[in-house]
Structure formats: structure tokens, C-alpha cells
Amino acid sequence: MDSPRHCRARRLSDDPSAALPTFATLTDTVPIAVVTFQFDPYAHLFGDLAIRWAAIALTVVIVAGLLLAALLARADDLRPDDVAFIAIGIVPGAVIGGRLGYFFLHAGYYGSTPDLLLDPSVGGMELGLAVVGGFLTGIYVAGLLGASVGRWLHVAAAPVLFVLGAGKLTMVLSGAGQGLPSDAGWATAYLGPGPWGSLLPALPSDPSQAWEGIATLAILTVLTVTLMLGAFRRRDGRLFFVAIGLWAVARAAVSMTWRDPVVVGGLNAGGLVAVGIAVGCAMILLVLTLRRQRPATDAPATDAPATDAPPTDAPATDAPPTDAPATRKRPTRT
């Protein structure tokens, strides 16, 4: 015998018009996305082996970034094979910084169980402090290689921006990084079984991951044009800090569309980290600019007398005697 709930469901299914008010109410309360994604987020290679499309795309992005760094290093008379050593050196700093940043974002949870911070299967990493940590260990390795750290930072600006921007766009393939619910024409939703990387993936939301990726690649384009016009001729690392500073500003702006709770000034914890990175880059850029101008102001006067130079009109009497025997005349016979 059917329960009253089953009987009511059967009556509603027999009458299609009965479901119309429910759908109309849903459209009035939940925005309908214009851009929807409905595909299998896994690439089934062979057998039971399946890999996320986002992971494959991210691998391609990282390899392309390393190749770009090697080409730029060769053009700047640096050893392109040193790119591999620097990349390996970046990894531990990025992991440690990313986990510390994730602790900062979720201090209430990890404060009671700090040992879980060492478990990579729990939680994730915060991108801002991951960039800071990777920068610190990367320049340490670059310094060990003997070349100028400033030249390596100049070379690294474009590859880092490319990896950050294109890497963010790969998150679109996994549904991760969705922002606040939105009824705008660019709102996105993920349908199908998934699994997707965001909570409530079918809810139309701001594509925050796409905004950050597009903004980062736009910064890369602008800086490339300025380089072609002759800016940053001195390879002292200023280009790197301009690039990361602008990226941090864009990330802070995009963070206002994230689903994370607001901490202060309309910014969440991740946005505050990005603001701190931007301020730090501005301070380092100021120091490098002042250091660049200091040699021109502290240079010694060119008309200073050279008191230690030997006189040019010194007599030649102190010259060591020569042992050439040709100075003697042979006696003549009479």
C-alpha cells in the first residue's frame, strides 16, 4: 500500500501542469545561469585509470612555463638548465607557504587540531603565501648557482604570471573556485554527477577562478608590451616585483567575489594576504629604485687629482741597465 507521500507524488507526475508553479517559484528565487558546464571532469585513459582534465591541463601549463623560462634564460645569457634546479627549489617553499596560508584562512579549525596541518590529505593550500614561500626558496637556490639573482627575477616575471594565470583557468575544468551566487549573464553552473570542486556546483555563481586567470594574463600582456617599448632595461628584479604586485592587486579585487567570509574592509583572509603581498612588493620596488639612483649621486668627482700616480716626466736615469753587448766598439789594428 502506497503512503500518502507516494500518492501525492504520483498525482503530481500524472499532471505535468502541476509542476509548473514549482519551477516558476524556483526561477524567481535561484538565478538561472547562462553558461552551464555538463561534462565528465575525468579523462578515462585505460582500465580504471582516470585523471582529472584540470590536472592534465595544469601539467601542460607548468611544462610550458618551464620551457618559457628556459628560453628567456638563454636569451639573457643565463644557463637554461639551471631553470630545473630553481624549479625544484621553489617546491618546498611553495608547499610550506601554501599550508601556512591555509592555516591562516581556517585558523579556527586548525587551531584546535594543528597536527592536521601536516596531513596533505586534509584541506588545501593558499596561493598567495605559496607564491611568497616559493619566491624565498627559489632565490636561495638561484643565489647558490652563482648568477645574479636580479637577472633571474627579471627572467621569471613572465613565466610566473603565465603559470598563475593559465593555472587559474584550468580550475574551470574541475568546477573549483566558484564565487558568490550571481544572476549576471556570465554566471556559471556545473551540472551532471561530477564530482565538482565547489560546494553547490549547480548554483549559478561568479566564475571567480576565471576572473583571476583573465586578469593575470592581461597583466602579462601589458608588461610584455612595455618591455617591447624599452622599459625595464636594467635587469635588477624590479620587473618581477611589479608583476607580482599587480597580480596581488588583481587577486585582492577578485577575492571580493569569493564565498569566504569577510574579515575587514570587504576583504576575506585571502584578500588580506594579497594586499600584504602588494604592499611588500611596493616596498621592495622602492628600495631597488633608490638603490639604482644611489651610484649616480655618490660617484666621486672626476676632477680629483691623482696624487698616487707616478710623475710622467721622471728621468730615465733610474732605468735598469741593459746587458746588450753591442754598445762596445771593437779596437782597430794599425
C-alpha atoms as a PDB file:
ATOM      1  CA  MET A   1       0.000   0.000   0.000  1.00  0.00           C
ATOM      2  CA  ASP A   2       1.341   3.371  -1.015  1.00  0.00           C
ATOM      3  CA  SER A   3       1.996   6.031   1.569  1.00  0.00           C
ATOM      4  CA  PRO A   4       0.259   9.419   1.249  1.00  0.00           C
ATOM      5  CA  ARG A   5       3.595  10.933   0.147  1.00  0.00           C
ATOM      6  CA  HIS A   6       3.880   8.427  -2.721  1.00  0.00           C
ATOM      7  CA  CYS A   7       0.271   9.013  -3.737  1.00  0.00           C
ATOM      8  CA  ARG A   8       0.824  12.761  -3.885  1.00  0.00           C
ATOM      9  CA  ALA A   9       3.974  12.315  -5.949  1.00  0.00           C
ATOM     10  CA  ARG A  10       2.120  10.082  -8.355  1.00  0.00           C
ATOM     11  CA  ARG A  11      -0.683  12.589  -8.783  1.00  0.00           C
ATOM     12  CA  LEU A  12       1.812  15.375  -9.497  1.00  0.00           C
ATOM     13  CA  SER A  13       3.601  13.255 -12.076  1.00  0.00           C
ATOM     14  CA  ASP A  14       0.315  12.402 -13.784  1.00  0.00           C
ATOM     15  CA  ASP A  15      -0.468  16.087 -14.167  1.00  0.00           C
ATOM     16  CA  PRO A  16       2.542  17.892 -15.757  1.00  0.00           C
ATOM     17  CA  SER A  17       0.963  21.289 -15.266  1.00  0.00           C
ATOM     18  CA  ALA A  18       1.089  20.795 -11.524  1.00  0.00           C
ATOM     19  CA  ALA A  19       4.885  21.096 -11.563  1.00  0.00           C
ATOM     20  CA  LEU A  20       4.866  24.456 -13.344  1.00  0.00           C
ATOM     21  CA  PRO A  21       4.276  26.636 -10.282  1.00  0.00           C
ATOM     22  CA  THR A  22       7.136  24.902  -8.502  1.00  0.00           C
ATOM     23  CA  PHE A  23       9.544  25.599 -11.402  1.00  0.00           C
ATOM     24  CA  ALA A  24       8.358  29.202 -11.638  1.00  0.00           C
ATOM     25  CA  THR A  25       8.997  29.677  -7.939  1.00  0.00           C
ATOM     26  CA  LEU A  26      12.486  28.198  -8.381  1.00  0.00           C
ATOM     27  CA  THR A  27      13.371  30.610 -11.182  1.00  0.00           C
ATOM     28  CA  ASP A  28      12.235  33.540  -9.045  1.00  0.00           C
ATOM     29  CA  THR A  29      14.456  32.573  -6.101  1.00  0.00           C
ATOM     30  CA  VAL A  30      17.504  30.952  -7.749  1.00  0.00           C
ATOM     31  CA  PRO A  31      19.199  32.666 -10.726  1.00  0.00           C
ATOM     32  CA  ILE A  32      19.437  30.586 -13.871  1.00  0.00           C
ATOM     33  CA  ALA A  33      22.965  30.546 -15.277  1.00  0.00           C
ATOM     34  CA  VAL A  34      23.641  31.471 -18.860  1.00  0.00           C
ATOM     35  CA  VAL A  35      26.863  29.451 -19.014  1.00  0.00           C
ATOM     36  CA  THR A  36      26.488  25.853 -17.906  1.00  0.00           C
ATOM     37  CA  PHE A  37      29.032  23.054 -17.968  1.00  0.00           C
ATOM     38  CA  GLN A  38      27.962  19.456 -18.176  1.00  0.00           C
ATOM     39  CA  PHE A  39      30.769  17.041 -18.949  1.00  0.00           C
ATOM     40  CA  ASP A  40      32.796  14.329 -17.278  1.00  0.00           C
ATOM     41  CA  PRO A  41      35.606  16.053 -15.335  1.00  0.00           C
ATOM     42  CA  TYR A  42      37.719  12.888 -15.592  1.00  0.00           C
ATOM     43  CA  ALA A  43      39.724  11.633 -18.537  1.00  0.00           C
ATOM     44  CA  HIS A  44      39.448   7.839 -18.623  1.00  0.00           C
ATOM     45  CA  LEU A  45      42.779   6.753 -20.065  1.00  0.00           C
ATOM     46  CA  PHE A  46      42.777   2.965 -19.877  1.00  0.00           C
ATOM     47  CA  GLY A  47      41.295   0.451 -17.498  1.00  0.00           C
ATOM     48  CA  ASP A  48      40.386   2.017 -14.192  1.00  0.00           C
ATOM     49  CA  LEU A  49      42.909   4.836 -14.562  1.00  0.00           C
ATOM     50  CA  ALA A  50      41.170   8.210 -14.606  1.00  0.00           C
ATOM     51  CA  ILE A  51      42.741  11.646 -14.266  1.00  0.00           C
ATOM     52  CA  ARG A  52      41.012  14.985 -13.942  1.00  0.00           C
ATOM     53  CA  TRP A  53      41.128  17.146 -17.045  1.00  0.00           C
ATOM     54  CA  ALA A  54      42.139  20.029 -14.790  1.00  0.00           C
ATOM     55  CA  ALA A  55      45.212  18.101 -13.594  1.00  0.00           C
ATOM     56  CA  ILE A  56      46.248  17.341 -17.182  1.00  0.00           C
ATOM     57  CA  ALA A  57      45.790  20.970 -18.206  1.00  0.00           C
ATOM     58  CA  LEU A  58      47.746  22.200 -15.171  1.00  0.00           C
ATOM     59  CA  THR A  59      50.627  19.870 -16.030  1.00  0.00           C
ATOM     60  CA  VAL A  60      50.735  21.279 -19.554  1.00  0.00           C
ATOM     61  CA  VAL A  61      50.732  24.821 -18.152  1.00  0.00           C
ATOM     62  CA  ILE A  62      53.630  24.113 -15.776  1.00  0.00           C
ATOM     63  CA  VAL A  63      55.721  22.471 -18.509  1.00  0.00           C
ATOM     64  CA  ALA A  64      55.025  25.400 -20.852  1.00  0.00           C
ATOM     65  CA  GLY A  65      56.057  27.827 -18.107  1.00  0.00           C
ATOM     66  CA  LEU A  66      59.348  25.989 -17.565  1.00  0.00           C
ATOM     67  CA  LEU A  67      60.076  25.998 -21.303  1.00  0.00           C
ATOM     68  CA  LEU A  68      59.338  29.721 -21.467  1.00  0.00           C
ATOM     69  CA  ALA A  69      61.681  30.339 -18.540  1.00  0.00           C
ATOM     70  CA  ALA A  70      64.438  28.319 -20.228  1.00  0.00           C
ATOM     71  CA  LEU A  71      64.081  30.276 -23.482  1.00  0.00           C
ATOM     72  CA  LEU A  72      64.180  33.612 -21.664  1.00  0.00           C
ATOM     73  CA  ALA A  73      67.196  32.476 -19.628  1.00  0.00           C
ATOM     74  CA  ARG A  74      69.093  31.547 -22.800  1.00  0.00           C
ATOM     75  CA  ALA A  75      68.259  34.930 -24.319  1.00  0.00           C
ATOM     76  CA  ASP A  76      69.616  36.637 -21.180  1.00  0.00           C
ATOM     77  CA  ASP A  77      72.907  34.672 -21.242  1.00  0.00           C
ATOM     78  CA  LEU A  78      71.891  32.518 -18.284  1.00  0.00           C
ATOM     79  CA  ARG A  79      72.162  28.746 -18.140  1.00  0.00           C
ATOM     80  CA  PRO A  80      68.772  27.348 -19.249  1.00  0.00           C
ATOM     81  CA  ASP A  81      69.396  24.037 -17.477  1.00  0.00           C
ATOM     82  CA  ASP A  82      69.529  25.923 -14.165  1.00  0.00           C
ATOM     83  CA  VAL A  83      65.779  26.504 -14.536  1.00  0.00           C
ATOM     84  CA  ALA A  84      65.200  22.911 -13.435  1.00  0.00           C
ATOM     85  CA  PHE A  85      67.209  23.373 -10.231  1.00  0.00           C
ATOM     86  CA  ILE A  86      65.402  26.603  -9.389  1.00  0.00           C
ATOM     87  CA  ALA A  87      62.016  24.993 -10.071  1.00  0.00           C
ATOM     88  CA  ILE A  88      62.856  22.128  -7.724  1.00  0.00           C
ATOM     89  CA  GLY A  89      63.945  24.658  -5.110  1.00  0.00           C
ATOM     90  CA  ILE A  90      60.628  26.500  -5.412  1.00  0.00           C
ATOM     91  CA  VAL A  91      58.557  23.433  -4.471  1.00  0.00           C
ATOM     92  CA  PRO A  92      59.281  23.141  -0.716  1.00  0.00           C
ATOM     93  CA  GLY A  93      58.809  26.854  -0.111  1.00  0.00           C
ATOM     94  CA  ALA A  94      55.542  26.877  -2.045  1.00  0.00           C
ATOM     95  CA  VAL A  95      54.198  23.883  -0.121  1.00  0.00           C
ATOM     96  CA  ILE A  96      55.143  25.277   3.291  1.00  0.00           C
ATOM     97  CA  GLY A  97      53.862  28.750   2.466  1.00  0.00           C
ATOM     98  CA  GLY A  98      50.655  27.396   0.978  1.00  0.00           C
ATOM     99  CA  ARG A  99      49.887  25.282   4.041  1.00  0.00           C
ATOM    100  CA  LEU A 100      50.633  28.169   6.398  1.00  0.00           C
ATOM    101  CA  GLY A 101      48.325  30.359   4.348  1.00  0.00           C
ATOM    102  CA  TYR A 102      45.600  27.718   4.552  1.00  0.00           C
ATOM    103  CA  PHE A 103      46.079  27.675   8.328  1.00  0.00           C
ATOM    104  CA  PHE A 104      45.609  31.452   8.306  1.00  0.00           C
ATOM    105  CA  LEU A 105      42.375  31.104   6.336  1.00  0.00           C
ATOM    106  CA  HIS A 106      40.993  28.428   8.652  1.00  0.00           C
ATOM    107  CA  ALA A 107      42.664  29.295  11.946  1.00  0.00           C
ATOM    108  CA  GLY A 108      39.560  28.380  13.922  1.00  0.00           C
ATOM    109  CA  TYR A 109      39.632  24.803  12.664  1.00  0.00           C
ATOM    110  CA  TYR A 110      43.378  24.169  12.654  1.00  0.00           C
ATOM    111  CA  GLY A 111      43.857  25.988  15.950  1.00  0.00           C
ATOM    112  CA  SER A 112      42.269  23.083  17.805  1.00  0.00           C
ATOM    113  CA  THR A 113      43.914  20.387  15.657  1.00  0.00           C
ATOM    114  CA  PRO A 114      47.235  21.835  14.428  1.00  0.00           C
ATOM    115  CA  ASP A 115      48.618  18.375  13.671  1.00  0.00           C
ATOM    116  CA  LEU A 116      46.243  18.147  10.709  1.00  0.00           C
ATOM    117  CA  LEU A 117      48.232  20.928   9.064  1.00  0.00           C
ATOM    118  CA  LEU A 118      50.917  18.331   8.323  1.00  0.00           C
ATOM    119  CA  ASP A 119      48.396  15.984   6.701  1.00  0.00           C
ATOM    120  CA  PRO A 120      48.278  16.824   2.960  1.00  0.00           C
ATOM    121  CA  SER A 121      45.027  14.907   2.550  1.00  0.00           C
ATOM    122  CA  VAL A 122      43.185  17.430   4.745  1.00  0.00           C
ATOM    123  CA  GLY A 123      42.455  20.848   3.282  1.00  0.00           C
ATOM    124  CA  GLY A 124      44.477  22.577   0.605  1.00  0.00           C
ATOM    125  CA  MET A 125      46.918  25.446   0.083  1.00  0.00           C
ATOM    126  CA  GLU A 126      46.568  29.210  -0.115  1.00  0.00           C
ATOM    127  CA  LEU A 127      48.019  30.571  -3.336  1.00  0.00           C
ATOM    128  CA  GLY A 128      49.268  33.925  -2.047  1.00  0.00           C
ATOM    129  CA  LEU A 129      51.645  32.644   0.615  1.00  0.00           C
ATOM    130  CA  ALA A 130      52.581  29.749  -1.672  1.00  0.00           C
ATOM    131  CA  VAL A 131      53.970  32.331  -4.108  1.00  0.00           C
ATOM    132  CA  VAL A 132      55.847  34.039  -1.263  1.00  0.00           C
ATOM    133  CA  GLY A 133      57.337  30.782   0.012  1.00  0.00           C
ATOM    134  CA  GLY A 134      58.316  29.644  -3.465  1.00  0.00           C
ATOM    135  CA  PHE A 135      59.944  33.022  -4.099  1.00  0.00           C
ATOM    136  CA  LEU A 136      62.097  32.768  -0.968  1.00  0.00           C
ATOM    137  CA  THR A 137      63.413  29.267  -1.624  1.00  0.00           C
ATOM    138  CA  GLY A 138      63.730  29.946  -5.340  1.00  0.00           C
ATOM    139  CA  ILE A 139      66.001  32.960  -4.941  1.00  0.00           C
ATOM    140  CA  TYR A 140      68.055  30.998  -2.399  1.00  0.00           C
ATOM    141  CA  VAL A 141      68.748  28.310  -4.981  1.00  0.00           C
ATOM    142  CA  ALA A 142      69.381  30.933  -7.680  1.00  0.00           C
ATOM    143  CA  GLY A 143      71.964  32.560  -5.423  1.00  0.00           C
ATOM    144  CA  LEU A 144      73.741  29.227  -4.987  1.00  0.00           C
ATOM    145  CA  LEU A 145      74.072  28.889  -8.752  1.00  0.00           C
ATOM    146  CA  GLY A 146      76.343  31.918  -8.893  1.00  0.00           C
ATOM    147  CA  ALA A 147      74.378  34.085 -11.336  1.00  0.00           C
ATOM    148  CA  SER A 148      72.766  37.410 -10.466  1.00  0.00           C
ATOM    149  CA  VAL A 149      69.517  36.940  -8.538  1.00  0.00           C
ATOM    150  CA  GLY A 150      68.168  40.137 -10.094  1.00  0.00           C
ATOM    151  CA  ARG A 151      68.643  38.740 -13.595  1.00  0.00           C
ATOM    152  CA  TRP A 152      66.847  35.529 -12.635  1.00  0.00           C
ATOM    153  CA  LEU A 153      63.954  37.520 -11.174  1.00  0.00           C
ATOM    154  CA  HIS A 154      63.759  39.521 -14.395  1.00  0.00           C
ATOM    155  CA  VAL A 155      63.552  36.284 -16.381  1.00  0.00           C
ATOM    156  CA  ALA A 156      60.998  34.732 -14.001  1.00  0.00           C
ATOM    157  CA  ALA A 157      58.406  37.517 -14.228  1.00  0.00           C
ATOM    158  CA  ALA A 158      56.698  36.357 -17.430  1.00  0.00           C
ATOM    159  CA  PRO A 159      56.732  32.581 -16.705  1.00  0.00           C
ATOM    160  CA  VAL A 160      55.355  33.093 -13.194  1.00  0.00           C
ATOM    161  CA  LEU A 161      52.495  35.274 -14.439  1.00  0.00           C
ATOM    162  CA  PHE A 162      51.742  32.757 -17.178  1.00  0.00           C
ATOM    163  CA  VAL A 163      51.580  29.833 -14.748  1.00  0.00           C
ATOM    164  CA  LEU A 164      49.455  31.792 -12.257  1.00  0.00           C
ATOM    165  CA  GLY A 165      47.004  32.993 -14.895  1.00  0.00           C
ATOM    166  CA  ALA A 166      46.684  29.887 -17.045  1.00  0.00           C
ATOM    167  CA  GLY A 167      46.740  27.694 -13.928  1.00  0.00           C
ATOM    168  CA  LYS A 168      43.705  29.519 -12.584  1.00  0.00           C
ATOM    169  CA  LEU A 169      41.865  28.982 -15.846  1.00  0.00           C
ATOM    170  CA  THR A 170      42.419  25.221 -15.576  1.00  0.00           C
ATOM    171  CA  MET A 171      40.179  25.273 -12.494  1.00  0.00           C
ATOM    172  CA  VAL A 172      37.245  25.849 -14.833  1.00  0.00           C
ATOM    173  CA  LEU A 173      37.638  22.223 -15.923  1.00  0.00           C
ATOM    174  CA  SER A 174      37.113  20.967 -12.369  1.00  0.00           C
ATOM    175  CA  GLY A 175      34.447  23.397 -11.180  1.00  0.00           C
ATOM    176  CA  ALA A 176      36.706  24.627  -8.379  1.00  0.00           C
ATOM    177  CA  GLY A 177      36.944  28.247  -7.308  1.00  0.00           C
ATOM    178  CA  GLN A 178      33.317  29.237  -7.894  1.00  0.00           C
ATOM    179  CA  GLY A 179      32.369  32.555  -6.331  1.00  0.00           C
ATOM    180  CA  LEU A 180      29.236  34.048  -4.839  1.00  0.00           C
ATOM    181  CA  PRO A 181      25.810  33.255  -6.345  1.00  0.00           C
ATOM    182  CA  SER A 182      25.010  35.612  -9.191  1.00  0.00           C
ATOM    183  CA  ASP A 183      22.243  36.267 -11.693  1.00  0.00           C
ATOM    184  CA  ALA A 184      24.560  38.037 -14.138  1.00  0.00           C
ATOM    185  CA  GLY A 185      24.861  36.909 -17.715  1.00  0.00           C
ATOM    186  CA  TRP A 186      28.334  35.486 -17.067  1.00  0.00           C
ATOM    187  CA  ALA A 187      27.282  33.323 -14.108  1.00  0.00           C
ATOM    188  CA  THR A 188      28.341  29.706 -14.454  1.00  0.00           C
ATOM    189  CA  ALA A 189      26.955  26.432 -13.131  1.00  0.00           C
ATOM    190  CA  TYR A 190      28.133  22.848 -13.282  1.00  0.00           C
ATOM    191  CA  LEU A 191      25.591  20.133 -13.958  1.00  0.00           C
ATOM    192  CA  GLY A 192      25.934  16.404 -14.095  1.00  0.00           C
ATOM    193  CA  PRO A 193      27.251  13.959 -11.494  1.00  0.00           C
ATOM    194  CA  GLY A 194      30.763  15.417 -11.294  1.00  0.00           C
ATOM    195  CA  PRO A 195      32.264  15.335  -8.736  1.00  0.00           C
ATOM    196  CA  TRP A 196      32.988  19.051  -8.969  1.00  0.00           C
ATOM    197  CA  GLY A 197      35.401  21.115  -6.914  1.00  0.00           C
ATOM    198  CA  SER A 198      32.951  23.631  -5.429  1.00  0.00           C
ATOM    199  CA  LEU A 199      30.100  23.364  -2.975  1.00  0.00           C
ATOM    200  CA  LEU A 200      26.689  23.536  -4.679  1.00  0.00           C
ATOM    201  CA  PRO A 201      28.171  23.487  -8.191  1.00  0.00           C
ATOM    202  CA  ALA A 202      24.744  23.722  -9.844  1.00  0.00           C
ATOM    203  CA  LEU A 203      24.123  27.085  -8.179  1.00  0.00           C
ATOM    204  CA  PRO A 204      24.829  29.867 -10.732  1.00  0.00           C
ATOM    205  CA  SER A 205      27.796  31.811  -9.393  1.00  0.00           C
ATOM    206  CA  ASP A 206      30.505  34.273 -10.314  1.00  0.00           C
ATOM    207  CA  PRO A 207      33.383  32.463 -12.087  1.00  0.00           C
ATOM    208  CA  SER A 208      35.981  33.871  -9.697  1.00  0.00           C
ATOM    209  CA  GLN A 209      38.676  31.494 -10.896  1.00  0.00           C
ATOM    210  CA  ALA A 210      38.190  32.687 -14.470  1.00  0.00           C
ATOM    211  CA  TRP A 211      38.259  36.366 -13.457  1.00  0.00           C
ATOM    212  CA  GLU A 212      41.586  35.953 -11.686  1.00  0.00           C
ATOM    213  CA  GLY A 213      43.092  33.990 -14.566  1.00  0.00           C
ATOM    214  CA  ILE A 214      41.987  36.511 -17.179  1.00  0.00           C
ATOM    215  CA  ALA A 215      43.211  39.458 -15.089  1.00  0.00           C
ATOM    216  CA  THR A 216      46.620  37.809 -14.584  1.00  0.00           C
ATOM    217  CA  LEU A 217      47.085  37.097 -18.290  1.00  0.00           C
ATOM    218  CA  ALA A 218      46.034  40.691 -19.045  1.00  0.00           C
ATOM    219  CA  ILE A 219      48.794  41.928 -16.713  1.00  0.00           C
ATOM    220  CA  LEU A 220      51.253  39.672 -18.529  1.00  0.00           C
ATOM    221  CA  THR A 221      50.183  41.160 -21.853  1.00  0.00           C
ATOM    222  CA  VAL A 222      50.590  44.750 -20.643  1.00  0.00           C
ATOM    223  CA  LEU A 223      54.047  44.085 -19.183  1.00  0.00           C
ATOM    224  CA  THR A 224      55.122  42.341 -22.393  1.00  0.00           C
ATOM    225  CA  VAL A 225      54.154  45.426 -24.392  1.00  0.00           C
ATOM    226  CA  THR A 226      56.074  47.692 -22.004  1.00  0.00           C
ATOM    227  CA  LEU A 227      59.150  45.505 -22.398  1.00  0.00           C
ATOM    228  CA  MET A 228      58.860  45.726 -26.164  1.00  0.00           C
ATOM    229  CA  LEU A 229      58.739  49.525 -25.825  1.00  0.00           C
ATOM    230  CA  GLY A 230      62.046  49.511 -23.953  1.00  0.00           C
ATOM    231  CA  ALA A 231      61.021  49.566 -20.283  1.00  0.00           C
ATOM    232  CA  PHE A 232      62.947  47.735 -17.543  1.00  0.00           C
ATOM    233  CA  ARG A 233      66.220  47.688 -19.449  1.00  0.00           C
ATOM    234  CA  ARG A 234      68.117  47.193 -16.220  1.00  0.00           C
ATOM    235  CA  ARG A 235      67.670  43.578 -15.140  1.00  0.00           C
ATOM    236  CA  ASP A 236      67.659  44.110 -11.393  1.00  0.00           C
ATOM    237  CA  GLY A 237      64.452  42.297 -10.453  1.00  0.00           C
ATOM    238  CA  ARG A 238      62.127  45.292 -10.486  1.00  0.00           C
ATOM    239  CA  LEU A 239      60.051  43.740 -13.265  1.00  0.00           C
ATOM    240  CA  PHE A 240      59.322  40.704 -11.091  1.00  0.00           C
ATOM    241  CA  PHE A 241      58.032  42.769  -8.170  1.00  0.00           C
ATOM    242  CA  VAL A 242      55.912  44.922 -10.471  1.00  0.00           C
ATOM    243  CA  ALA A 243      54.392  41.754 -11.955  1.00  0.00           C
ATOM    244  CA  ILE A 244      53.677  40.069  -8.618  1.00  0.00           C
ATOM    245  CA  GLY A 245      52.426  43.311  -7.084  1.00  0.00           C
ATOM    246  CA  LEU A 246      49.915  43.858  -9.883  1.00  0.00           C
ATOM    247  CA  TRP A 247      48.842  40.215  -9.672  1.00  0.00           C
ATOM    248  CA  ALA A 248      48.264  40.606  -5.936  1.00  0.00           C
ATOM    249  CA  VAL A 249      46.130  43.720  -6.500  1.00  0.00           C
ATOM    250  CA  ALA A 250      44.016  41.847  -9.059  1.00  0.00           C
ATOM    251  CA  ARG A 251      43.685  38.872  -6.717  1.00  0.00           C
ATOM    252  CA  ALA A 252      42.551  41.116  -3.863  1.00  0.00           C
ATOM    253  CA  ALA A 253      39.903  42.666  -6.102  1.00  0.00           C
ATOM    254  CA  VAL A 254      38.644  39.281  -7.315  1.00  0.00           C
ATOM    255  CA  SER A 255      38.572  37.963  -3.733  1.00  0.00           C
ATOM    256  CA  MET A 256      35.531  40.155  -3.106  1.00  0.00           C
ATOM    257  CA  THR A 257      33.566  37.676  -5.239  1.00  0.00           C
ATOM    258  CA  TRP A 258      34.731  34.617  -3.266  1.00  0.00           C
ATOM    259  CA  ARG A 259      32.465  32.700  -0.942  1.00  0.00           C
ATOM    260  CA  ASP A 260      34.821  33.106   2.014  1.00  0.00           C
ATOM    261  CA  PRO A 261      33.599  35.197   4.969  1.00  0.00           C
ATOM    262  CA  VAL A 262      34.566  38.853   5.064  1.00  0.00           C
ATOM    263  CA  VAL A 263      37.172  39.779   7.667  1.00  0.00           C
ATOM    264  CA  VAL A 264      37.654  43.535   7.299  1.00  0.00           C
ATOM    265  CA  GLY A 265      37.032  46.207   4.692  1.00  0.00           C
ATOM    266  CA  GLY A 266      35.061  43.913   2.415  1.00  0.00           C
ATOM    267  CA  LEU A 267      38.055  41.569   2.122  1.00  0.00           C
ATOM    268  CA  ASN A 268      38.335  37.999   3.307  1.00  0.00           C
ATOM    269  CA  ALA A 269      41.509  36.453   4.692  1.00  0.00           C
ATOM    270  CA  GLY A 270      42.844  35.564   1.250  1.00  0.00           C
ATOM    271  CA  GLY A 271      42.257  39.101   0.051  1.00  0.00           C
ATOM    272  CA  LEU A 272      44.157  40.489   3.049  1.00  0.00           C
ATOM    273  CA  VAL A 273      47.097  38.215   2.220  1.00  0.00           C
ATOM    274  CA  ALA A 274      47.042  39.543  -1.345  1.00  0.00           C
ATOM    275  CA  VAL A 275      47.029  43.140  -0.091  1.00  0.00           C
ATOM    276  CA  GLY A 276      50.021  42.365   2.128  1.00  0.00           C
ATOM    277  CA  ILE A 277      51.886  40.904  -0.853  1.00  0.00           C
ATOM    278  CA  ALA A 278      51.140  44.003  -2.932  1.00  0.00           C
ATOM    279  CA  VAL A 279      52.417  46.296  -0.167  1.00  0.00           C
ATOM    280  CA  GLY A 280      55.560  44.193   0.242  1.00  0.00           C
ATOM    281  CA  CYS A 281      56.267  44.316  -3.493  1.00  0.00           C
ATOM    282  CA  ALA A 282      55.815  48.091  -3.492  1.00  0.00           C
ATOM    283  CA  MET A 283      58.315  48.483  -0.654  1.00  0.00           C
ATOM    284  CA  ILE A 284      60.905  46.250  -2.327  1.00  0.00           C
ATOM    285  CA  LEU A 285      60.394  48.097  -5.601  1.00  0.00           C
ATOM    286  CA  LEU A 286      61.019  51.408  -3.816  1.00  0.00           C
ATOM    287  CA  VAL A 287      64.247  50.086  -2.287  1.00  0.00           C
ATOM    288  CA  LEU A 288      65.502  48.803  -5.647  1.00  0.00           C
ATOM    289  CA  THR A 289      64.685  52.116  -7.321  1.00  0.00           C
ATOM    290  CA  LEU A 290      66.544  54.108  -4.678  1.00  0.00           C
ATOM    291  CA  ARG A 291      69.499  51.739  -4.897  1.00  0.00           C
ATOM    292  CA  ARG A 292      69.572  52.245  -8.650  1.00  0.00           C
ATOM    293  CA  GLN A 293      69.800  56.024  -8.229  1.00  0.00           C
ATOM    294  CA  ARG A 294      72.408  55.929  -5.435  1.00  0.00           C
ATOM    295  CA  PRO A 295      75.524  55.239  -7.563  1.00  0.00           C
ATOM    296  CA  ALA A 296      74.808  58.306  -9.683  1.00  0.00           C
ATOM    297  CA  THR A 297      74.682  60.596  -6.630  1.00  0.00           C
ATOM    298  CA  ASP A 298      77.509  59.010  -4.642  1.00  0.00           C
ATOM    299  CA  ALA A 299      80.026  58.781  -7.523  1.00  0.00           C
ATOM    300  CA  PRO A 300      83.378  60.510  -6.785  1.00  0.00           C
ATOM    301  CA  ALA A 301      84.289  63.704  -8.597  1.00  0.00           C
ATOM    302  CA  THR A 302      86.033  63.149 -11.904  1.00  0.00           C
ATOM    303  CA  ASP A 303      88.439  66.097 -11.464  1.00  0.00           C
ATOM    304  CA  ALA A 304      90.056  64.750  -8.290  1.00  0.00           C
ATOM    305  CA  PRO A 305      93.863  64.871  -8.539  1.00  0.00           C
ATOM    306  CA  ALA A 306      95.566  61.541  -8.857  1.00  0.00           C
ATOM    307  CA  THR A 307      98.163  62.065  -6.113  1.00  0.00           C
ATOM    308  CA  ASP A 308      99.364  58.478  -6.098  1.00  0.00           C
ATOM    309  CA  ALA A 309     100.157  58.341  -9.811  1.00  0.00           C
ATOM    310  CA  PRO A 310     103.878  58.407 -10.681  1.00  0.00           C
ATOM    311  CA  PRO A 311     105.117  61.551 -12.485  1.00  0.00           C
ATOM    312  CA  THR A 312     105.183  61.230 -16.192  1.00  0.00           C
ATOM    313  CA  ASP A 313     108.371  63.303 -16.597  1.00  0.00           C
ATOM    314  CA  ALA A 314     110.581  61.113 -14.395  1.00  0.00           C
ATOM    315  CA  PRO A 315     114.147  60.983 -15.678  1.00  0.00           C
ATOM    316  CA  ALA A 316     115.262  57.847 -17.341  1.00  0.00           C
ATOM    317  CA  THR A 317     118.422  57.599 -15.252  1.00  0.00           C
ATOM    318  CA  ASP A 318     116.859  55.088 -12.874  1.00  0.00           C
ATOM    319  CA  ALA A 319     116.121  52.642 -15.642  1.00  0.00           C
ATOM    320  CA  PRO A 320     117.845  49.293 -15.166  1.00  0.00           C
ATOM    321  CA  PRO A 321     120.956  48.878 -17.274  1.00  0.00           C
ATOM    322  CA  THR A 322     120.676  46.746 -20.304  1.00  0.00           C
ATOM    323  CA  ASP A 323     123.085  43.939 -20.923  1.00  0.00           C
ATOM    324  CA  ALA A 324     123.303  44.350 -24.670  1.00  0.00           C
ATOM    325  CA  PRO A 325     126.974  43.877 -25.641  1.00  0.00           C
ATOM    326  CA  ALA A 326     126.602  45.787 -28.875  1.00  0.00           C
ATOM    327  CA  THR A 327     127.455  49.124 -27.222  1.00  0.00           C
ATOM    328  CA  ARG A 328     131.227  48.396 -27.146  1.00  0.00           C
ATOM    329  CA  LYS A 329     133.476  49.149 -30.135  1.00  0.00           C
ATOM    330  CA  ARG A 330     135.996  46.638 -31.323  1.00  0.00           C
ATOM    331  CA  PRO A 331     139.588  48.009 -31.321  1.00  0.00           C
ATOM    332  CA  THR A 332     141.081  48.551 -34.750  1.00  0.00           C
ATOM    333  CA  ARG A 333     144.600  47.427 -35.740  1.00  0.00           C
ATOM    334  CA  THR A 334     147.140  49.870 -37.066  1.00  0.00           C
END
